[in-house]
Amino acid sequence: MLIKRLLNAIDGSNSSLKASTFAIDMAKRFDAELIVLHVIDPKYKELEIAISPRPGKFKEIAIRAMEEGEKMVETVRQKATEMNVKVKTDVISDFTSVTKDILEYAKANKVDIIVVGSRGMTGFKKLLVGSVASGVVTYSECPVVVVK
């Protein structure tokens, strides 16, 4: 299998950080471009808006979420750059689902493989393998590596 472009979807969890290390090593091994993606979870935004008593809070929350996402991808970008891996980063926000956004991004960017962590930042992480990881594995059109 020829791997030219690898997508690493991260959420800041320990699992996604381990997946990033794996993705960097894999990109280095295959001399592939690494794309590091953070998708802002629409459920997080909806919850914050619902409990906020202040009008206009959405914009403030959206800016904070984008800044946090940028910090996450920048951390991985720095590690990849130190390893001489070609890297691109992106933070996106949509009102659909994290899984759908990852899959659409992968398709639009013609990635050859997706690397994700097994468990994310949800409250159900002890019960599920990770709903995002599971959805990506189930619906992806390209191979997926799930890192524990």
C-alpha atoms as a PDB file:
ATOM      1  CA  MET A   1       0.000   0.000   0.000  1.00  0.00           C
ATOM      2  CA  LEU A   2       1.342   3.402  -0.981  1.00  0.00           C
ATOM      3  CA  ILE A   3       0.776   6.048   1.680  1.00  0.00           C
ATOM      4  CA  LYS A   4       1.294   9.618   0.488  1.00  0.00           C
ATOM      5  CA  ARG A   5      -1.093  11.486   2.770  1.00  0.00           C
ATOM      6  CA  LEU A   6      -1.980  10.558   6.333  1.00  0.00           C
ATOM      7  CA  LEU A   7      -4.708  12.179   8.453  1.00  0.00           C
ATOM      8  CA  ASN A   8      -4.345  12.324  12.222  1.00  0.00           C
ATOM      9  CA  ALA A   9      -7.544  13.477  13.933  1.00  0.00           C
ATOM     10  CA  ILE A  10      -6.886  14.720  17.466  1.00  0.00           C
ATOM     11  CA  ASP A  11      -9.006  15.901  20.378  1.00  0.00           C
ATOM     12  CA  GLY A  12      -6.430  16.550  23.083  1.00  0.00           C
ATOM     13  CA  SER A  13      -7.009  13.281  24.961  1.00  0.00           C
ATOM     14  CA  ASN A  14      -4.128  11.037  26.011  1.00  0.00           C
ATOM     15  CA  SER A  15      -5.253   8.526  23.417  1.00  0.00           C
ATOM     16  CA  SER A  16      -5.110  11.070  20.602  1.00  0.00           C
ATOM     17  CA  LEU A  17      -1.653  12.211  21.731  1.00  0.00           C
ATOM     18  CA  LYS A  18      -0.431   8.599  21.487  1.00  0.00           C
ATOM     19  CA  ALA A  19      -2.060   8.400  18.055  1.00  0.00           C
ATOM     20  CA  SER A  20      -0.177  11.551  17.023  1.00  0.00           C
ATOM     21  CA  THR A  21       3.157  10.009  17.966  1.00  0.00           C
ATOM     22  CA  PHE A  22       2.236   6.920  15.953  1.00  0.00           C
ATOM     23  CA  ALA A  23       1.082   9.056  13.002  1.00  0.00           C
ATOM     24  CA  ILE A  24       4.314  11.082  12.989  1.00  0.00           C
ATOM     25  CA  ASP A  25       6.396   7.887  13.004  1.00  0.00           C
ATOM     26  CA  MET A  26       4.278   6.397  10.237  1.00  0.00           C
ATOM     27  CA  ALA A  27       4.487   9.552   8.104  1.00  0.00           C
ATOM     28  CA  LYS A  28       8.265   9.571   8.577  1.00  0.00           C
ATOM     29  CA  ARG A  29       8.554   5.905   7.619  1.00  0.00           C
ATOM     30  CA  PHE A  30       6.511   6.351   4.429  1.00  0.00           C
ATOM     31  CA  ASP A  31       7.812   9.847   3.642  1.00  0.00           C
ATOM     32  CA  ALA A  32       4.162  10.922   3.635  1.00  0.00           C
ATOM     33  CA  GLU A  33       2.502  14.242   4.297  1.00  0.00           C
ATOM     34  CA  LEU A  34       0.872  14.375   7.718  1.00  0.00           C
ATOM     35  CA  ILE A  35      -2.356  16.308   8.132  1.00  0.00           C
ATOM     36  CA  VAL A  36      -3.255  17.017  11.753  1.00  0.00           C
ATOM     37  CA  LEU A  37      -6.938  17.807  12.190  1.00  0.00           C
ATOM     38  CA  HIS A  38      -8.950  18.970  15.170  1.00  0.00           C
ATOM     39  CA  VAL A  39     -12.732  19.120  14.842  1.00  0.00           C
ATOM     40  CA  ILE A  40     -14.571  21.259  17.352  1.00  0.00           C
ATOM     41  CA  ASP A  41     -17.369  19.108  18.712  1.00  0.00           C
ATOM     42  CA  PRO A  42     -20.759  20.708  17.974  1.00  0.00           C
ATOM     43  CA  LYS A  43     -22.209  19.146  21.149  1.00  0.00           C
ATOM     44  CA  TYR A  44     -19.688  21.043  23.251  1.00  0.00           C
ATOM     45  CA  LYS A  45     -20.741  24.319  21.674  1.00  0.00           C
ATOM     46  CA  GLU A  46     -24.447  23.558  22.083  1.00  0.00           C
ATOM     47  CA  LEU A  47     -24.000  22.707  25.762  1.00  0.00           C
ATOM     48  CA  GLU A  48     -22.007  25.866  26.454  1.00  0.00           C
ATOM     49  CA  ILE A  49     -24.629  27.998  24.713  1.00  0.00           C
ATOM     50  CA  ALA A  50     -27.515  26.307  26.540  1.00  0.00           C
ATOM     51  CA  ILE A  51     -26.062  26.944  29.980  1.00  0.00           C
ATOM     52  CA  SER A  52     -24.836  30.443  29.268  1.00  0.00           C
ATOM     53  CA  PRO A  53     -26.980  33.306  30.583  1.00  0.00           C
ATOM     54  CA  ARG A  54     -25.151  35.922  28.503  1.00  0.00           C
ATOM     55  CA  PRO A  55     -26.181  36.806  24.947  1.00  0.00           C
ATOM     56  CA  GLY A  56     -23.258  36.766  22.544  1.00  0.00           C
ATOM     57  CA  LYS A  57     -21.535  34.046  24.546  1.00  0.00           C
ATOM     58  CA  PHE A  58     -21.470  31.804  21.457  1.00  0.00           C
ATOM     59  CA  LYS A  59     -18.886  33.947  19.685  1.00  0.00           C
ATOM     60  CA  GLU A  60     -16.659  34.017  22.761  1.00  0.00           C
ATOM     61  CA  ILE A  61     -16.946  30.245  23.177  1.00  0.00           C
ATOM     62  CA  ALA A  62     -16.290  29.616  19.485  1.00  0.00           C
ATOM     63  CA  ILE A  63     -13.145  31.757  19.600  1.00  0.00           C
ATOM     64  CA  ARG A  64     -11.910  29.951  22.719  1.00  0.00           C
ATOM     65  CA  ALA A  65     -12.592  26.542  21.172  1.00  0.00           C
ATOM     66  CA  MET A  66     -10.709  27.521  17.991  1.00  0.00           C
ATOM     67  CA  GLU A  67      -7.756  28.773  20.045  1.00  0.00           C
ATOM     68  CA  GLU A  68      -7.652  25.533  22.049  1.00  0.00           C
ATOM     69  CA  GLY A  69      -7.806  23.526  18.817  1.00  0.00           C
ATOM     70  CA  GLU A  70      -4.986  25.573  17.308  1.00  0.00           C
ATOM     71  CA  LYS A  71      -2.804  24.883  20.365  1.00  0.00           C
ATOM     72  CA  MET A  72      -3.439  21.152  20.034  1.00  0.00           C
ATOM     73  CA  VAL A  73      -2.534  20.934  16.361  1.00  0.00           C
ATOM     74  CA  GLU A  74       0.456  23.241  16.843  1.00  0.00           C
ATOM     75  CA  THR A  75       1.906  20.898  19.469  1.00  0.00           C
ATOM     76  CA  VAL A  76       1.736  17.989  17.006  1.00  0.00           C
ATOM     77  CA  ARG A  77       3.032  20.179  14.160  1.00  0.00           C
ATOM     78  CA  GLN A  78       6.116  21.056  16.193  1.00  0.00           C
ATOM     79  CA  LYS A  79       6.847  17.390  16.967  1.00  0.00           C
ATOM     80  CA  ALA A  80       6.400  16.435  13.305  1.00  0.00           C
ATOM     81  CA  THR A  81       8.625  19.280  12.141  1.00  0.00           C
ATOM     82  CA  GLU A  82      11.356  18.160  14.563  1.00  0.00           C
ATOM     83  CA  MET A  83      11.180  14.731  12.892  1.00  0.00           C
ATOM     84  CA  ASN A  84      11.420  16.340   9.411  1.00  0.00           C
ATOM     85  CA  VAL A  85       7.888  15.268   8.521  1.00  0.00           C
ATOM     86  CA  LYS A  86       5.882  17.366   6.063  1.00  0.00           C
ATOM     87  CA  VAL A  87       2.905  18.553   8.076  1.00  0.00           C
ATOM     88  CA  LYS A  88      -0.257  20.547   7.546  1.00  0.00           C
ATOM     89  CA  THR A  89      -2.666  21.475  10.346  1.00  0.00           C
ATOM     90  CA  ASP A  90      -6.318  22.401  10.352  1.00  0.00           C
ATOM     91  CA  VAL A  91      -9.029  23.181  12.876  1.00  0.00           C
ATOM     92  CA  ILE A  92     -12.590  22.992  11.657  1.00  0.00           C
ATOM     93  CA  SER A  93     -15.968  23.655  13.179  1.00  0.00           C
ATOM     94  CA  ASP A  94     -19.258  22.409  11.825  1.00  0.00           C
ATOM     95  CA  PHE A  95     -22.695  21.667  13.192  1.00  0.00           C
ATOM     96  CA  THR A  96     -22.929  18.063  12.002  1.00  0.00           C
ATOM     97  CA  SER A  97     -20.800  15.502  13.840  1.00  0.00           C
ATOM     98  CA  VAL A  98     -17.124  15.028  14.550  1.00  0.00           C
ATOM     99  CA  THR A  99     -17.120  11.638  12.807  1.00  0.00           C
ATOM    100  CA  LYS A 100     -18.780  12.989   9.677  1.00  0.00           C
ATOM    101  CA  ASP A 101     -16.444  15.992   9.584  1.00  0.00           C
ATOM    102  CA  ILE A 102     -13.352  13.771   9.838  1.00  0.00           C
ATOM    103  CA  LEU A 103     -14.590  11.468   7.080  1.00  0.00           C
ATOM    104  CA  GLU A 104     -15.571  14.314   4.748  1.00  0.00           C
ATOM    105  CA  TYR A 105     -12.225  16.016   5.367  1.00  0.00           C
ATOM    106  CA  ALA A 106     -10.363  12.785   4.640  1.00  0.00           C
ATOM    107  CA  LYS A 107     -12.245  12.305   1.383  1.00  0.00           C
ATOM    108  CA  ALA A 108     -11.844  15.926   0.264  1.00  0.00           C
ATOM    109  CA  ASN A 109      -8.096  15.812   0.990  1.00  0.00           C
ATOM    110  CA  LYS A 110      -7.609  12.384  -0.583  1.00  0.00           C
ATOM    111  CA  VAL A 111      -5.921  10.834   2.432  1.00  0.00           C
ATOM    112  CA  ASP A 112      -4.643   7.288   2.204  1.00  0.00           C
ATOM    113  CA  ILE A 113      -5.003   6.383   5.868  1.00  0.00           C
ATOM    114  CA  ILE A 114      -6.541   7.872   9.033  1.00  0.00           C
ATOM    115  CA  VAL A 115      -4.965   7.570  12.488  1.00  0.00           C
ATOM    116  CA  VAL A 116      -7.129   8.185  15.575  1.00  0.00           C
ATOM    117  CA  GLY A 117      -6.953   7.467  19.278  1.00  0.00           C
ATOM    118  CA  SER A 118      -9.144   4.742  20.715  1.00  0.00           C
ATOM    119  CA  ARG A 119     -10.869   6.940  23.275  1.00  0.00           C
ATOM    120  CA  GLY A 120     -11.623  10.616  23.231  1.00  0.00           C
ATOM    121  CA  MET A 121     -12.701  13.311  25.599  1.00  0.00           C
ATOM    122  CA  THR A 122     -16.267  12.107  26.185  1.00  0.00           C
ATOM    123  CA  GLY A 123     -17.828  11.219  29.514  1.00  0.00           C
ATOM    124  CA  PHE A 124     -18.682   7.785  28.175  1.00  0.00           C
ATOM    125  CA  LYS A 125     -15.068   6.804  27.478  1.00  0.00           C
ATOM    126  CA  LYS A 126     -15.165   4.031  30.061  1.00  0.00           C
ATOM    127  CA  LEU A 127     -18.184   2.453  28.373  1.00  0.00           C
ATOM    128  CA  LEU A 128     -17.277   2.769  24.702  1.00  0.00           C
ATOM    129  CA  VAL A 129     -14.202   2.183  22.591  1.00  0.00           C
ATOM    130  CA  GLY A 130     -14.785   5.739  21.485  1.00  0.00           C
ATOM    131  CA  SER A 131     -17.819   6.721  19.491  1.00  0.00           C
ATOM    132  CA  VAL A 132     -15.771   8.866  17.094  1.00  0.00           C
ATOM    133  CA  ALA A 133     -13.121   6.176  16.567  1.00  0.00           C
ATOM    134  CA  SER A 134     -15.828   3.569  16.087  1.00  0.00           C
ATOM    135  CA  GLY A 135     -17.683   5.740  13.568  1.00  0.00           C
ATOM    136  CA  VAL A 136     -14.509   6.519  11.632  1.00  0.00           C
ATOM    137  CA  VAL A 137     -13.629   2.816  11.448  1.00  0.00           C
ATOM    138  CA  THR A 138     -17.156   1.877  10.393  1.00  0.00           C
ATOM    139  CA  TYR A 139     -17.698   4.482   7.678  1.00  0.00           C
ATOM    140  CA  SER A 140     -14.242   5.359   6.363  1.00  0.00           C
ATOM    141  CA  GLU A 141     -13.483   4.705   2.719  1.00  0.00           C
ATOM    142  CA  CYS A 142      -9.772   4.328   3.512  1.00  0.00           C
ATOM    143  CA  PRO A 143      -7.893   2.250   6.095  1.00  0.00           C
ATOM    144  CA  VAL A 144      -8.001   3.444   9.710  1.00  0.00           C
ATOM    145  CA  VAL A 145      -5.472   2.821  12.461  1.00  0.00           C
ATOM    146  CA  VAL A 146      -6.834   3.081  16.002  1.00  0.00           C
ATOM    147  CA  VAL A 147      -4.122   3.610  18.599  1.00  0.00           C
ATOM    148  CA  LYS A 148      -4.679   2.542  22.210  1.00  0.00           C
END
